[in-house]
Amino acid sequence: MAVTKKRVADKRNSKKKTRKQVQQKLEVALASLKPLLGEKKFKNRVKKAGKILTSGLKQNLDENNGAKNSKPVPEELRPVPIIADNLNG
């Protein structure tokens, strides 16, 4: 049981680390807004934005894993590539 708890803790830590990295990158990218908003408001807004951006992280990872296990699409259902010669008429 200790192994299961450790794995859950690792996932939480990795998500938290990812959120912190996103927050740091937002702070650098939006540094010009810091003097306009003030230090405290800027930090709070960057923190909220980081949470929002990373909130769907686990769901997206699960969706990507499901796509690998799906069946291949039949030939008749695949989209037809657009060729420049066909567009001219």
C-alpha atoms as a PDB file:
ATOM      1  CA  MET A   1       0.000   0.000   0.000  1.00  0.00           C
ATOM      2  CA  ALA A   2       2.887   2.358   0.630  1.00  0.00           C
ATOM      3  CA  VAL A   3       3.910   2.025  -3.019  1.00  0.00           C
ATOM      4  CA  THR A   4       0.474   3.206  -4.209  1.00  0.00           C
ATOM      5  CA  LYS A   5       0.558   6.241  -1.929  1.00  0.00           C
ATOM      6  CA  LYS A   6       4.025   7.107  -3.177  1.00  0.00           C
ATOM      7  CA  ARG A   7       2.881   6.994  -6.824  1.00  0.00           C
ATOM      8  CA  VAL A   8      -0.053   9.280  -6.084  1.00  0.00           C
ATOM      9  CA  ALA A   9       2.283  11.692  -4.320  1.00  0.00           C
ATOM     10  CA  ASP A  10       4.640  11.651  -7.325  1.00  0.00           C
ATOM     11  CA  LYS A  11       1.797  12.564  -9.691  1.00  0.00           C
ATOM     12  CA  ARG A  12       0.757  15.440  -7.442  1.00  0.00           C
ATOM     13  CA  ASN A  13       4.316  16.684  -7.210  1.00  0.00           C
ATOM     14  CA  SER A  14       4.806  16.546 -10.945  1.00  0.00           C
ATOM     15  CA  LYS A  15       1.568  18.455 -11.515  1.00  0.00           C
ATOM     16  CA  LYS A  16       2.591  20.996  -8.908  1.00  0.00           C
ATOM     17  CA  LYS A  17       6.043  21.349 -10.465  1.00  0.00           C
ATOM     18  CA  THR A  18       4.456  21.838 -13.872  1.00  0.00           C
ATOM     19  CA  ARG A  19       2.157  24.529 -12.458  1.00  0.00           C
ATOM     20  CA  LYS A  20       5.137  26.315 -10.909  1.00  0.00           C
ATOM     21  CA  GLN A  21       7.029  26.197 -14.215  1.00  0.00           C
ATOM     22  CA  VAL A  22       4.030  27.651 -16.053  1.00  0.00           C
ATOM     23  CA  GLN A  23       3.762  30.417 -13.462  1.00  0.00           C
ATOM     24  CA  GLN A  24       7.439  31.289 -13.824  1.00  0.00           C
ATOM     25  CA  LYS A  25       7.152  31.465 -17.613  1.00  0.00           C
ATOM     26  CA  LEU A  26       4.052  33.651 -17.351  1.00  0.00           C
ATOM     27  CA  GLU A  27       5.859  35.993 -14.967  1.00  0.00           C
ATOM     28  CA  VAL A  28       8.694  36.408 -17.454  1.00  0.00           C
ATOM     29  CA  ALA A  29       6.383  36.822 -20.446  1.00  0.00           C
ATOM     30  CA  LEU A  30       4.087  39.324 -18.744  1.00  0.00           C
ATOM     31  CA  ALA A  31       6.725  41.278 -16.830  1.00  0.00           C
ATOM     32  CA  SER A  32       5.607  44.539 -18.446  1.00  0.00           C
ATOM     33  CA  LEU A  33       2.268  44.299 -16.596  1.00  0.00           C
ATOM     34  CA  LYS A  34       3.861  44.058 -13.155  1.00  0.00           C
ATOM     35  CA  PRO A  35       4.310  47.851 -12.655  1.00  0.00           C
ATOM     36  CA  LEU A  36       0.739  48.511 -13.800  1.00  0.00           C
ATOM     37  CA  LEU A  37      -0.935  45.994 -11.484  1.00  0.00           C
ATOM     38  CA  GLY A  38       1.433  45.995  -8.543  1.00  0.00           C
ATOM     39  CA  GLU A  39       3.398  43.081  -7.124  1.00  0.00           C
ATOM     40  CA  LYS A  40       0.619  41.428  -5.093  1.00  0.00           C
ATOM     41  CA  LYS A  41      -2.130  41.554  -7.751  1.00  0.00           C
ATOM     42  CA  PHE A  42       0.294  40.439 -10.440  1.00  0.00           C
ATOM     43  CA  LYS A  43       1.405  37.387  -8.424  1.00  0.00           C
ATOM     44  CA  ASN A  44      -2.206  36.425  -7.634  1.00  0.00           C
ATOM     45  CA  ARG A  45      -3.295  36.687 -11.259  1.00  0.00           C
ATOM     46  CA  VAL A  46      -0.309  34.719 -12.526  1.00  0.00           C
ATOM     47  CA  LYS A  47      -1.048  32.043  -9.919  1.00  0.00           C
ATOM     48  CA  LYS A  48      -4.697  31.805 -11.023  1.00  0.00           C
ATOM     49  CA  ALA A  49      -3.696  31.655 -14.681  1.00  0.00           C
ATOM     50  CA  GLY A  50      -1.222  28.852 -13.936  1.00  0.00           C
ATOM     51  CA  LYS A  51      -3.911  26.862 -12.145  1.00  0.00           C
ATOM     52  CA  ILE A  52      -6.362  27.327 -15.000  1.00  0.00           C
ATOM     53  CA  LEU A  53      -3.818  26.359 -17.651  1.00  0.00           C
ATOM     54  CA  THR A  54      -2.743  23.196 -15.818  1.00  0.00           C
ATOM     55  CA  SER A  55      -6.190  22.143 -14.577  1.00  0.00           C
ATOM     56  CA  GLY A  56      -6.859  19.888 -17.581  1.00  0.00           C
ATOM     57  CA  LEU A  57      -3.395  18.382 -17.642  1.00  0.00           C
ATOM     58  CA  LYS A  58      -4.389  14.918 -16.371  1.00  0.00           C
ATOM     59  CA  GLN A  59      -7.442  14.744 -18.629  1.00  0.00           C
ATOM     60  CA  ASN A  60      -5.403  15.546 -21.724  1.00  0.00           C
ATOM     61  CA  LEU A  61      -2.838  12.879 -20.869  1.00  0.00           C
ATOM     62  CA  ASP A  62      -5.607  10.285 -20.466  1.00  0.00           C
ATOM     63  CA  GLU A  63      -7.193  11.260 -23.807  1.00  0.00           C
ATOM     64  CA  ASN A  64      -3.867  10.919 -25.624  1.00  0.00           C
ATOM     65  CA  ASN A  65      -3.316   7.443 -24.192  1.00  0.00           C
ATOM     66  CA  GLY A  66      -6.791   6.367 -25.361  1.00  0.00           C
ATOM     67  CA  ALA A  67      -6.072   7.460 -28.919  1.00  0.00           C
ATOM     68  CA  LYS A  68      -3.164   5.021 -29.193  1.00  0.00           C
ATOM     69  CA  ASN A  69      -5.428   2.060 -28.437  1.00  0.00           C
ATOM     70  CA  SER A  70      -8.134   2.997 -30.948  1.00  0.00           C
ATOM     71  CA  LYS A  71      -8.782   1.069 -34.148  1.00  0.00           C
ATOM     72  CA  PRO A  72      -7.400   2.372 -37.449  1.00  0.00           C
ATOM     73  CA  VAL A  73      -9.792   4.421 -39.607  1.00  0.00           C
ATOM     74  CA  PRO A  74     -11.009   2.602 -42.752  1.00  0.00           C
ATOM     75  CA  GLU A  75      -9.919   3.959 -46.162  1.00  0.00           C
ATOM     76  CA  GLU A  76     -13.419   5.124 -47.139  1.00  0.00           C
ATOM     77  CA  LEU A  77     -13.735   7.284 -44.012  1.00  0.00           C
ATOM     78  CA  ARG A  78     -10.349   9.011 -44.300  1.00  0.00           C
ATOM     79  CA  PRO A  79     -10.342  12.622 -45.528  1.00  0.00           C
ATOM     80  CA  VAL A  80      -9.290  13.167 -49.124  1.00  0.00           C
ATOM     81  CA  PRO A  81      -6.168  15.336 -49.504  1.00  0.00           C
ATOM     82  CA  ILE A  82      -6.670  18.614 -51.340  1.00  0.00           C
ATOM     83  CA  ILE A  83      -4.522  18.938 -54.445  1.00  0.00           C
ATOM     84  CA  ALA A  84      -3.880  22.358 -56.029  1.00  0.00           C
ATOM     85  CA  ASP A  85      -4.828  21.046 -59.513  1.00  0.00           C
ATOM     86  CA  ASN A  86      -8.345  20.165 -58.331  1.00  0.00           C
ATOM     87  CA  LEU A  87      -8.973  23.689 -57.020  1.00  0.00           C
ATOM     88  CA  ASN A  88      -8.449  25.439 -60.377  1.00  0.00           C
ATOM     89  CA  GLY A  89     -11.346  23.674 -61.957  1.00  0.00           C
END
